[in-house]
Amino acid sequence: MSDVLKLEGVTKTYNAGLPSEVAVLRGCDLTLGEGEVVALVAPSGSGKSTLLHIAGLLDVADSGDVEIAGQPLSGKSDRRRTITRRQDVGFVYQFHHLLPEFTALENITLPQRANGVSRGDAETRAMELLASVGVESRASHRPAELSGGEQQRVAFCRALANAPKLLLADEPTGNLDPGTSDQVFDALMALVRGTGMSALIATHNLELASRMDRVLRLEDGVLVAD
């Protein structure tokens, strides 16, 4: 089984050299195998969002190495990192961040169009994804016309639109009530398992974490197995 994500010795300090210096990551090591779904558990403010942003090439570590799908990316150009992020990484956040002026269908076709996919093919895939999470009937609705659970399902579909190898999710059900959270999490897991992608999912919910392949905790800036 090949590694989809590999972090070695990743560190990150904010306000370096100042009295208010905060060492958030102190040497994080992580290997995420193909098709593996791993929970990342940590309290708010512990650095899990920073870790996800570095893993997904949205932020740069102070030191350490990041590899995605076997590609070493530390020190690479912004263009190289952007291409890899666009092609190989999908993101889901606690808040859906859908574009309000576009329909659910359009929100999922846009990232595909940016990758050069034709309109027809992009819309076909978007409808397939919407159907897989049970909201195909809402394709023509804008985000404000969708429930919170529906909005997050559409956000999942958008993250998977370009068939990434790696999904990074930061508290993807944290903004939902418990009943909706379970339903939406089941939809996310079905999408991930159905595609065979790898996923690193940050959550406060220990019951949801227990349903993944492994649980990692971020403690004092270091990843440890639960």
C-alpha atoms as a PDB file:
ATOM      1  CA  MET A   1       0.000   0.000   0.000  1.00  0.00           C
ATOM      2  CA  SER A   2       1.522   3.316  -1.073  1.00  0.00           C
ATOM      3  CA  ASP A   3       1.509   6.454   1.083  1.00  0.00           C
ATOM      4  CA  VAL A   4      -0.825   9.242   0.033  1.00  0.00           C
ATOM      5  CA  LEU A   5       0.326  11.710   2.696  1.00  0.00           C
ATOM      6  CA  LYS A   6       3.608  11.785   4.577  1.00  0.00           C
ATOM      7  CA  LEU A   7       4.740  14.381   7.096  1.00  0.00           C
ATOM      8  CA  GLU A   8       8.170  14.235   8.686  1.00  0.00           C
ATOM      9  CA  GLY A   9       9.362  16.544  11.451  1.00  0.00           C
ATOM     10  CA  VAL A  10       6.859  19.288  10.660  1.00  0.00           C
ATOM     11  CA  THR A  11       7.175  22.352  12.893  1.00  0.00           C
ATOM     12  CA  LYS A  12       5.327  25.650  13.004  1.00  0.00           C
ATOM     13  CA  THR A  13       5.837  28.610  15.330  1.00  0.00           C
ATOM     14  CA  TYR A  14       3.879  31.857  15.284  1.00  0.00           C
ATOM     15  CA  ASN A  15       5.489  35.171  16.259  1.00  0.00           C
ATOM     16  CA  ALA A  16       8.909  33.530  16.150  1.00  0.00           C
ATOM     17  CA  GLY A  17      11.484  35.415  18.210  1.00  0.00           C
ATOM     18  CA  LEU A  18       8.884  37.606  19.945  1.00  0.00           C
ATOM     19  CA  PRO A  19       7.759  37.457  23.584  1.00  0.00           C
ATOM     20  CA  SER A  20       4.407  36.136  22.342  1.00  0.00           C
ATOM     21  CA  GLU A  21       6.009  33.246  20.420  1.00  0.00           C
ATOM     22  CA  VAL A  22       3.801  30.150  20.238  1.00  0.00           C
ATOM     23  CA  ALA A  23       5.207  26.817  19.072  1.00  0.00           C
ATOM     24  CA  VAL A  24       2.113  25.117  17.643  1.00  0.00           C
ATOM     25  CA  LEU A  25       3.716  22.097  15.944  1.00  0.00           C
ATOM     26  CA  ARG A  26       6.917  20.709  17.463  1.00  0.00           C
ATOM     27  CA  GLY A  27       7.856  17.920  15.078  1.00  0.00           C
ATOM     28  CA  CYS A  28       4.840  16.096  13.667  1.00  0.00           C
ATOM     29  CA  ASP A  29       5.248  12.787  11.851  1.00  0.00           C
ATOM     30  CA  LEU A  30       2.371  11.175   9.966  1.00  0.00           C
ATOM     31  CA  THR A  31       1.944   8.546   7.292  1.00  0.00           C
ATOM     32  CA  LEU A  32      -1.464   8.095   5.679  1.00  0.00           C
ATOM     33  CA  GLY A  33      -1.843   5.035   3.490  1.00  0.00           C
ATOM     34  CA  GLU A  34      -3.944   4.603   0.379  1.00  0.00           C
ATOM     35  CA  GLY A  35      -7.622   4.258   1.284  1.00  0.00           C
ATOM     36  CA  GLU A  36      -6.970   4.929   4.970  1.00  0.00           C
ATOM     37  CA  VAL A  37      -9.294   7.159   7.018  1.00  0.00           C
ATOM     38  CA  VAL A  38      -7.671   8.672  10.106  1.00  0.00           C
ATOM     39  CA  ALA A  39      -9.247  10.789  12.844  1.00  0.00           C
ATOM     40  CA  LEU A  40      -7.331  13.759  14.241  1.00  0.00           C
ATOM     41  CA  VAL A  41      -8.498  14.604  17.754  1.00  0.00           C
ATOM     42  CA  ALA A  42      -7.372  17.725  19.579  1.00  0.00           C
ATOM     43  CA  PRO A  43      -8.900  20.593  21.566  1.00  0.00           C
ATOM     44  CA  SER A  44      -9.534  23.955  19.967  1.00  0.00           C
ATOM     45  CA  GLY A  45      -6.403  26.053  19.606  1.00  0.00           C
ATOM     46  CA  SER A  46      -4.058  23.076  19.702  1.00  0.00           C
ATOM     47  CA  GLY A  47      -2.889  23.449  16.101  1.00  0.00           C
ATOM     48  CA  LYS A  48      -4.949  20.863  14.224  1.00  0.00           C
ATOM     49  CA  SER A  49      -6.136  23.406  11.652  1.00  0.00           C
ATOM     50  CA  THR A  50      -2.527  24.505  11.144  1.00  0.00           C
ATOM     51  CA  LEU A  51      -1.514  20.880  10.651  1.00  0.00           C
ATOM     52  CA  LEU A  52      -4.275  20.339   8.086  1.00  0.00           C
ATOM     53  CA  HIS A  53      -3.334  23.522   6.223  1.00  0.00           C
ATOM     54  CA  ILE A  54       0.309  22.462   6.023  1.00  0.00           C
ATOM     55  CA  ALA A  55      -0.668  18.946   4.924  1.00  0.00           C
ATOM     56  CA  GLY A  56      -2.898  20.446   2.236  1.00  0.00           C
ATOM     57  CA  LEU A  57      -0.305  22.974   1.028  1.00  0.00           C
ATOM     58  CA  LEU A  58      -2.289  25.992   2.164  1.00  0.00           C
ATOM     59  CA  ASP A  59       0.438  26.924   4.653  1.00  0.00           C
ATOM     60  CA  VAL A  60       4.179  26.323   4.818  1.00  0.00           C
ATOM     61  CA  ALA A  61       5.946  24.616   7.717  1.00  0.00           C
ATOM     62  CA  ASP A  62       8.947  26.247   9.371  1.00  0.00           C
ATOM     63  CA  SER A  63      10.789  22.947   8.972  1.00  0.00           C
ATOM     64  CA  GLY A  64      10.072  19.364   8.024  1.00  0.00           C
ATOM     65  CA  ASP A  65       8.918  17.587   4.892  1.00  0.00           C
ATOM     66  CA  VAL A  66       5.526  17.137   3.213  1.00  0.00           C
ATOM     67  CA  GLU A  67       4.839  14.520   0.541  1.00  0.00           C
ATOM     68  CA  ILE A  68       1.566  13.948  -1.296  1.00  0.00           C
ATOM     69  CA  ALA A  69       1.165  10.883  -3.492  1.00  0.00           C
ATOM     70  CA  GLY A  70       4.931  10.346  -3.424  1.00  0.00           C
ATOM     71  CA  GLN A  71       5.759  13.919  -4.458  1.00  0.00           C
ATOM     72  CA  PRO A  72       8.112  15.835  -2.117  1.00  0.00           C
ATOM     73  CA  LEU A  73       6.620  19.326  -1.898  1.00  0.00           C
ATOM     74  CA  SER A  74       8.607  21.154   0.755  1.00  0.00           C
ATOM     75  CA  GLY A  75      10.423  24.056  -0.857  1.00  0.00           C
ATOM     76  CA  LYS A  76       8.604  23.723  -4.159  1.00  0.00           C
ATOM     77  CA  SER A  77       7.284  26.748  -6.043  1.00  0.00           C
ATOM     78  CA  ASP A  78       3.861  28.178  -5.347  1.00  0.00           C
ATOM     79  CA  ARG A  79       2.783  27.065  -8.830  1.00  0.00           C
ATOM     80  CA  ARG A  80       3.827  23.454  -8.220  1.00  0.00           C
ATOM     81  CA  ARG A  81       2.065  23.423  -4.852  1.00  0.00           C
ATOM     82  CA  THR A  82      -1.076  24.959  -6.344  1.00  0.00           C
ATOM     83  CA  ILE A  83      -1.243  22.357  -9.119  1.00  0.00           C
ATOM     84  CA  THR A  84      -0.836  19.507  -6.637  1.00  0.00           C
ATOM     85  CA  ARG A  85      -3.426  20.995  -4.298  1.00  0.00           C
ATOM     86  CA  ARG A  86      -5.927  21.469  -7.109  1.00  0.00           C
ATOM     87  CA  GLN A  87      -5.469  17.963  -8.512  1.00  0.00           C
ATOM     88  CA  ASP A  88      -4.795  15.796  -5.482  1.00  0.00           C
ATOM     89  CA  VAL A  89      -6.324  17.435  -2.408  1.00  0.00           C
ATOM     90  CA  GLY A  90      -9.915  18.099  -1.358  1.00  0.00           C
ATOM     91  CA  PHE A  91     -10.904  20.259   1.623  1.00  0.00           C
ATOM     92  CA  VAL A  92     -13.996  20.288   3.839  1.00  0.00           C
ATOM     93  CA  TYR A  93     -14.459  22.793   6.650  1.00  0.00           C
ATOM     94  CA  GLN A  94     -16.844  23.195   9.579  1.00  0.00           C
ATOM     95  CA  PHE A  95     -18.677  25.886   7.600  1.00  0.00           C
ATOM     96  CA  HIS A  96     -19.600  24.956   4.054  1.00  0.00           C
ATOM     97  CA  HIS A  97     -18.117  28.059   2.329  1.00  0.00           C
ATOM     98  CA  LEU A  98     -20.299  27.491  -0.735  1.00  0.00           C
ATOM     99  CA  LEU A  99     -20.509  30.390  -3.174  1.00  0.00           C
ATOM    100  CA  PRO A 100     -23.901  31.952  -2.354  1.00  0.00           C
ATOM    101  CA  GLU A 101     -24.709  33.224  -5.845  1.00  0.00           C
ATOM    102  CA  PHE A 102     -24.335  29.797  -7.459  1.00  0.00           C
ATOM    103  CA  THR A 103     -26.541  26.719  -7.279  1.00  0.00           C
ATOM    104  CA  ALA A 104     -25.469  23.463  -5.666  1.00  0.00           C
ATOM    105  CA  LEU A 105     -24.746  22.058  -9.116  1.00  0.00           C
ATOM    106  CA  GLU A 106     -22.677  25.080 -10.121  1.00  0.00           C
ATOM    107  CA  ASN A 107     -20.670  24.997  -6.879  1.00  0.00           C
ATOM    108  CA  ILE A 108     -19.551  21.473  -7.784  1.00  0.00           C
ATOM    109  CA  THR A 109     -18.917  22.121 -11.474  1.00  0.00           C
ATOM    110  CA  LEU A 110     -16.743  25.212 -10.902  1.00  0.00           C
ATOM    111  CA  PRO A 111     -13.638  23.428  -9.529  1.00  0.00           C
ATOM    112  CA  GLN A 112     -13.881  20.923 -12.366  1.00  0.00           C
ATOM    113  CA  ARG A 113     -14.102  23.664 -14.961  1.00  0.00           C
ATOM    114  CA  ALA A 114     -10.997  25.266 -13.420  1.00  0.00           C
ATOM    115  CA  ASN A 115      -9.247  21.941 -14.068  1.00  0.00           C
ATOM    116  CA  GLY A 116     -10.225  21.967 -17.735  1.00  0.00           C
ATOM    117  CA  VAL A 117     -13.225  19.607 -17.594  1.00  0.00           C
ATOM    118  CA  SER A 118     -15.974  20.313 -20.139  1.00  0.00           C
ATOM    119  CA  ARG A 119     -19.260  21.741 -18.874  1.00  0.00           C
ATOM    120  CA  GLY A 120     -21.201  18.618 -19.805  1.00  0.00           C
ATOM    121  CA  ASP A 121     -18.794  16.225 -18.093  1.00  0.00           C
ATOM    122  CA  ALA A 122     -18.562  18.482 -15.042  1.00  0.00           C
ATOM    123  CA  GLU A 123     -22.340  18.620 -14.668  1.00  0.00           C
ATOM    124  CA  THR A 124     -22.644  14.853 -15.097  1.00  0.00           C
ATOM    125  CA  ARG A 125     -20.133  14.220 -12.328  1.00  0.00           C
ATOM    126  CA  ALA A 126     -21.749  16.851 -10.119  1.00  0.00           C
ATOM    127  CA  MET A 127     -25.135  15.155 -10.429  1.00  0.00           C
ATOM    128  CA  GLU A 128     -23.597  11.762  -9.696  1.00  0.00           C
ATOM    129  CA  LEU A 129     -22.003  13.122  -6.541  1.00  0.00           C
ATOM    130  CA  LEU A 130     -25.189  14.851  -5.419  1.00  0.00           C
ATOM    131  CA  ALA A 131     -27.134  11.627  -5.973  1.00  0.00           C
ATOM    132  CA  SER A 132     -24.589   9.677  -3.921  1.00  0.00           C
ATOM    133  CA  VAL A 133     -25.385  11.817  -0.862  1.00  0.00           C
ATOM    134  CA  GLY A 134     -29.122  12.012  -1.528  1.00  0.00           C
ATOM    135  CA  VAL A 135     -29.513  15.665  -2.494  1.00  0.00           C
ATOM    136  CA  GLU A 136     -29.755  15.486  -6.280  1.00  0.00           C
ATOM    137  CA  SER A 137     -33.221  17.056  -6.079  1.00  0.00           C
ATOM    138  CA  ARG A 138     -31.601  20.188  -4.657  1.00  0.00           C
ATOM    139  CA  ALA A 139     -29.166  20.686  -7.545  1.00  0.00           C
ATOM    140  CA  SER A 140     -30.792  23.910  -8.747  1.00  0.00           C
ATOM    141  CA  HIS A 141     -31.037  25.470  -5.289  1.00  0.00           C
ATOM    142  CA  ARG A 142     -28.655  28.101  -3.948  1.00  0.00           C
ATOM    143  CA  PRO A 143     -26.998  27.586  -0.537  1.00  0.00           C
ATOM    144  CA  ALA A 144     -29.447  29.879   1.284  1.00  0.00           C
ATOM    145  CA  GLU A 145     -32.261  27.584   0.142  1.00  0.00           C
ATOM    146  CA  LEU A 146     -30.623  24.472   1.633  1.00  0.00           C
ATOM    147  CA  SER A 147     -30.611  23.162   5.194  1.00  0.00           C
ATOM    148  CA  GLY A 148     -27.344  23.013   7.112  1.00  0.00           C
ATOM    149  CA  GLY A 149     -27.003  19.303   6.462  1.00  0.00           C
ATOM    150  CA  GLU A 150     -27.712  19.758   2.763  1.00  0.00           C
ATOM    151  CA  GLN A 151     -25.178  22.578   2.498  1.00  0.00           C
ATOM    152  CA  GLN A 152     -22.473  20.400   4.038  1.00  0.00           C
ATOM    153  CA  ARG A 153     -23.283  17.472   1.737  1.00  0.00           C
ATOM    154  CA  VAL A 154     -22.887  19.787  -1.234  1.00  0.00           C
ATOM    155  CA  ALA A 155     -19.568  20.953   0.248  1.00  0.00           C
ATOM    156  CA  PHE A 156     -18.452  17.305   0.424  1.00  0.00           C
ATOM    157  CA  CYS A 157     -19.339  16.851  -3.229  1.00  0.00           C
ATOM    158  CA  ARG A 158     -17.412  19.980  -4.187  1.00  0.00           C
ATOM    159  CA  ALA A 159     -14.336  18.700  -2.313  1.00  0.00           C
ATOM    160  CA  LEU A 160     -14.520  15.431  -4.234  1.00  0.00           C
ATOM    161  CA  ALA A 161     -15.332  16.992  -7.607  1.00  0.00           C
ATOM    162  CA  ASN A 162     -11.815  16.571  -9.031  1.00  0.00           C
ATOM    163  CA  ALA A 163     -11.392  13.047  -7.615  1.00  0.00           C
ATOM    164  CA  PRO A 164      -8.558  13.941  -5.222  1.00  0.00           C
ATOM    165  CA  LYS A 165      -6.299  11.301  -3.707  1.00  0.00           C
ATOM    166  CA  LEU A 166      -6.456  13.007  -0.298  1.00  0.00           C
ATOM    167  CA  LEU A 167      -9.356  14.539   1.623  1.00  0.00           C
ATOM    168  CA  LEU A 168      -8.666  16.877   4.550  1.00  0.00           C
ATOM    169  CA  ALA A 169     -11.652  17.742   6.740  1.00  0.00           C
ATOM    170  CA  ASP A 170     -11.643  20.184   9.659  1.00  0.00           C
ATOM    171  CA  GLU A 171     -14.585  19.511  12.003  1.00  0.00           C
ATOM    172  CA  PRO A 172     -16.871  18.738   9.027  1.00  0.00           C
ATOM    173  CA  THR A 173     -19.929  18.117  11.220  1.00  0.00           C
ATOM    174  CA  GLY A 174     -19.084  20.523  14.037  1.00  0.00           C
ATOM    175  CA  ASN A 175     -21.698  23.075  12.993  1.00  0.00           C
ATOM    176  CA  LEU A 176     -24.614  20.591  12.918  1.00  0.00           C
ATOM    177  CA  ASP A 177     -26.986  19.212  15.527  1.00  0.00           C
ATOM    178  CA  PRO A 178     -26.214  15.644  16.714  1.00  0.00           C
ATOM    179  CA  GLY A 179     -28.841  13.913  14.570  1.00  0.00           C
ATOM    180  CA  THR A 180     -27.865  15.736  11.398  1.00  0.00           C
ATOM    181  CA  SER A 181     -24.192  15.302  12.262  1.00  0.00           C
ATOM    182  CA  ASP A 182     -24.518  11.504  12.241  1.00  0.00           C
ATOM    183  CA  GLN A 183     -26.356  11.503   8.920  1.00  0.00           C
ATOM    184  CA  VAL A 184     -23.890  13.856   7.268  1.00  0.00           C
ATOM    185  CA  PHE A 185     -20.899  11.944   8.622  1.00  0.00           C
ATOM    186  CA  ASP A 186     -22.344   8.711   7.236  1.00  0.00           C
ATOM    187  CA  ALA A 187     -22.688  10.417   3.847  1.00  0.00           C
ATOM    188  CA  LEU A 188     -19.065  11.596   4.001  1.00  0.00           C
ATOM    189  CA  MET A 189     -17.774   8.152   4.937  1.00  0.00           C
ATOM    190  CA  ALA A 190     -19.772   6.546   2.143  1.00  0.00           C
ATOM    191  CA  LEU A 191     -18.214   8.966  -0.349  1.00  0.00           C
ATOM    192  CA  VAL A 192     -14.697   8.368   0.953  1.00  0.00           C
ATOM    193  CA  ARG A 193     -15.013   4.591   1.151  1.00  0.00           C
ATOM    194  CA  GLY A 194     -16.709   4.444  -2.234  1.00  0.00           C
ATOM    195  CA  THR A 195     -13.840   6.209  -3.959  1.00  0.00           C
ATOM    196  CA  GLY A 196     -10.986   4.580  -2.039  1.00  0.00           C
ATOM    197  CA  MET A 197      -9.390   7.923  -1.267  1.00  0.00           C
ATOM    198  CA  SER A 198      -7.433   8.650   1.912  1.00  0.00           C
ATOM    199  CA  ALA A 199      -8.773  11.063   4.490  1.00  0.00           C
ATOM    200  CA  LEU A 200      -7.542  12.921   7.559  1.00  0.00           C
ATOM    201  CA  ILE A 201     -10.561  14.156   9.500  1.00  0.00           C
ATOM    202  CA  ALA A 202     -10.309  16.462  12.519  1.00  0.00           C
ATOM    203  CA  THR A 203     -13.163  16.073  14.982  1.00  0.00           C
ATOM    204  CA  HIS A 204     -14.098  16.687  18.607  1.00  0.00           C
ATOM    205  CA  ASN A 205     -16.612  13.841  18.415  1.00  0.00           C
ATOM    206  CA  LEU A 206     -14.970  10.753  19.887  1.00  0.00           C
ATOM    207  CA  GLU A 207     -17.804   8.494  18.724  1.00  0.00           C
ATOM    208  CA  LEU A 208     -17.246   9.579  15.126  1.00  0.00           C
ATOM    209  CA  ALA A 209     -13.499   9.225  15.577  1.00  0.00           C
ATOM    210  CA  SER A 210     -13.927   5.633  16.726  1.00  0.00           C
ATOM    211  CA  ARG A 211     -15.550   4.758  13.388  1.00  0.00           C
ATOM    212  CA  MET A 212     -12.375   5.578  11.456  1.00  0.00           C
ATOM    213  CA  ASP A 213      -9.366   3.328  10.864  1.00  0.00           C
ATOM    214  CA  ARG A 214      -7.066   5.042  13.343  1.00  0.00           C
ATOM    215  CA  VAL A 215      -7.202   7.886  15.848  1.00  0.00           C
ATOM    216  CA  LEU A 216      -4.328  10.344  16.328  1.00  0.00           C
ATOM    217  CA  ARG A 217      -4.134  12.986  19.026  1.00  0.00           C
ATOM    218  CA  LEU A 218      -2.268  16.260  18.765  1.00  0.00           C
ATOM    219  CA  GLU A 219      -0.695  16.796  22.186  1.00  0.00           C
ATOM    220  CA  ASP A 220       1.797  19.565  22.920  1.00  0.00           C
ATOM    221  CA  GLY A 221       2.486  19.968  19.220  1.00  0.00           C
ATOM    222  CA  VAL A 222       3.222  16.286  18.560  1.00  0.00           C
ATOM    223  CA  LEU A 223       1.042  13.566  17.027  1.00  0.00           C
ATOM    224  CA  VAL A 224       0.517  10.466  19.158  1.00  0.00           C
ATOM    225  CA  ALA A 225      -1.552   7.334  18.530  1.00  0.00           C
ATOM    226  CA  ASP A 226      -4.718   7.119  20.578  1.00  0.00           C
END
